[in-house]
């Protein structure tokens, strides 16, 4: 199961970098929640606002943004999982 989660997280990071909204949406369950820091601001909620934000910018790929990421942790059971992804250079 961990390998499947890792695959989804890699797809997520690639879709974010390329600005591929359709590919990005496929990474999320319909009831998914997200939380984390955007700069100094802690945000939490469903992914729709995130999708809108990604769609509202030129892709990081097209602007040459130095974006990197690391999967820091994966916790999985038979029915649920949590992944922690650390990103650097997200939209600069």
Protein backbone atom coordinates (compact mmCIF):
# COMPACT_ATOMS: atom_id res chain seq x y z
CA UNK A 1 0.00 0.00 0.00
CA UNK A 2 2.83 2.41 0.78
CA UNK A 3 4.13 2.20 -2.80
CA UNK A 4 0.69 3.19 -4.17
CA UNK A 5 0.59 6.18 -1.81
CA UNK A 6 4.10 7.16 -2.87
CA UNK A 7 2.98 6.95 -6.52
CA UNK A 8 0.01 9.27 -5.84
CA UNK A 9 2.25 11.77 -4.03
CA UNK A 10 4.75 11.79 -6.91
CA UNK A 11 1.88 12.31 -9.37
CA UNK A 12 0.55 15.15 -7.18
CA UNK A 13 3.94 16.92 -7.14
CA UNK A 14 4.39 16.50 -10.90
CA UNK A 15 0.87 17.80 -11.60
CA UNK A 16 1.45 20.82 -9.34
CA UNK A 17 4.75 21.62 -11.07
CA UNK A 18 3.26 21.29 -14.55
CA UNK A 19 -0.05 22.98 -13.66
CA UNK A 20 -1.95 19.89 -14.85
CA UNK A 21 -5.25 20.42 -13.07
CA UNK A 22 -6.99 17.29 -14.38
CA UNK A 23 -4.08 15.07 -13.31
CA UNK A 24 -4.00 16.86 -9.94
CA UNK A 25 -7.71 16.32 -9.29
CA UNK A 26 -7.30 12.57 -9.82
CA UNK A 27 -4.94 12.47 -6.81
CA UNK A 28 -7.73 13.40 -4.39
CA UNK A 29 -10.66 11.47 -2.94
CA UNK A 30 -13.92 13.39 -3.24
CA UNK A 31 -13.94 13.95 0.56
CA UNK A 32 -10.21 14.70 0.92
CA UNK A 33 -8.88 17.30 3.33
CA UNK A 34 -5.60 19.18 3.18
CA UNK A 35 -3.68 21.08 5.82
CA UNK A 36 -0.34 22.81 5.99
CA UNK A 37 1.48 26.10 5.85
CA UNK A 38 1.38 28.49 2.93
CA UNK A 39 4.16 30.84 3.96
CA UNK A 40 3.38 31.65 7.59
CA UNK A 41 -0.34 30.99 7.26
CA UNK A 42 -1.77 27.63 8.38
CA UNK A 43 -4.57 26.51 6.08
CA UNK A 44 -6.92 23.54 6.18
CA UNK A 45 -9.94 22.41 4.18
CA UNK A 46 -10.97 20.63 1.04
CA UNK A 47 -8.88 20.79 -2.11
CA UNK A 48 -11.18 23.00 -4.26
CA UNK A 49 -9.54 26.26 -3.18
CA UNK A 50 -6.17 24.70 -3.90
CA UNK A 51 -7.31 23.66 -7.39
CA UNK A 52 -8.49 27.22 -8.07
CA UNK A 53 -5.14 28.60 -6.89
CA UNK A 54 -3.17 26.25 -9.16
CA UNK A 55 -5.40 27.17 -12.13
CA UNK A 56 -4.90 30.89 -11.41
CA UNK A 57 -1.11 30.88 -11.96
CA UNK A 58 1.21 30.07 -14.83
CA UNK A 59 2.72 26.66 -14.11
CA UNK A 60 5.98 26.45 -12.18
CA UNK A 61 7.36 24.49 -15.14
CA UNK A 62 6.60 27.35 -17.57
CA UNK A 63 8.24 29.94 -15.31
CA UNK A 64 11.31 27.82 -14.50
CA UNK A 65 10.58 27.74 -10.77
CA UNK A 66 13.10 25.71 -8.76
CA UNK A 67 10.56 23.38 -7.12
CA UNK A 68 11.59 20.34 -5.08
CA UNK A 69 9.69 18.03 -2.77
CA UNK A 70 10.29 15.20 -0.35
CA UNK A 71 7.84 12.63 0.96
CA UNK A 72 8.60 12.87 4.66
CA UNK A 73 6.16 10.36 6.08
CA UNK A 74 3.48 7.87 5.07
CA UNK A 75 1.09 6.30 7.56
CA UNK A 76 -1.29 3.74 6.13
CA UNK A 77 -3.87 1.24 7.26
CA UNK A 78 -6.23 -0.92 5.20
CA UNK A 79 -8.79 1.86 4.81
CA UNK A 80 -6.99 5.18 5.20
CA UNK A 81 -3.66 6.91 4.79
CA UNK A 82 -1.85 10.12 5.65
CA UNK A 83 1.14 11.45 3.73
CA UNK A 84 3.39 14.34 4.71
CA UNK A 85 5.03 16.11 1.79
CA UNK A 86 7.61 18.87 2.27
CA UNK A 87 7.81 21.22 -0.70
CA UNK A 88 10.34 23.94 -1.43
CA UNK A 89 9.98 26.68 -4.01
CA UNK A 90 6.26 26.12 -4.49
CA UNK A 91 5.46 29.04 -6.82
CA UNK A 92 8.77 30.57 -5.79
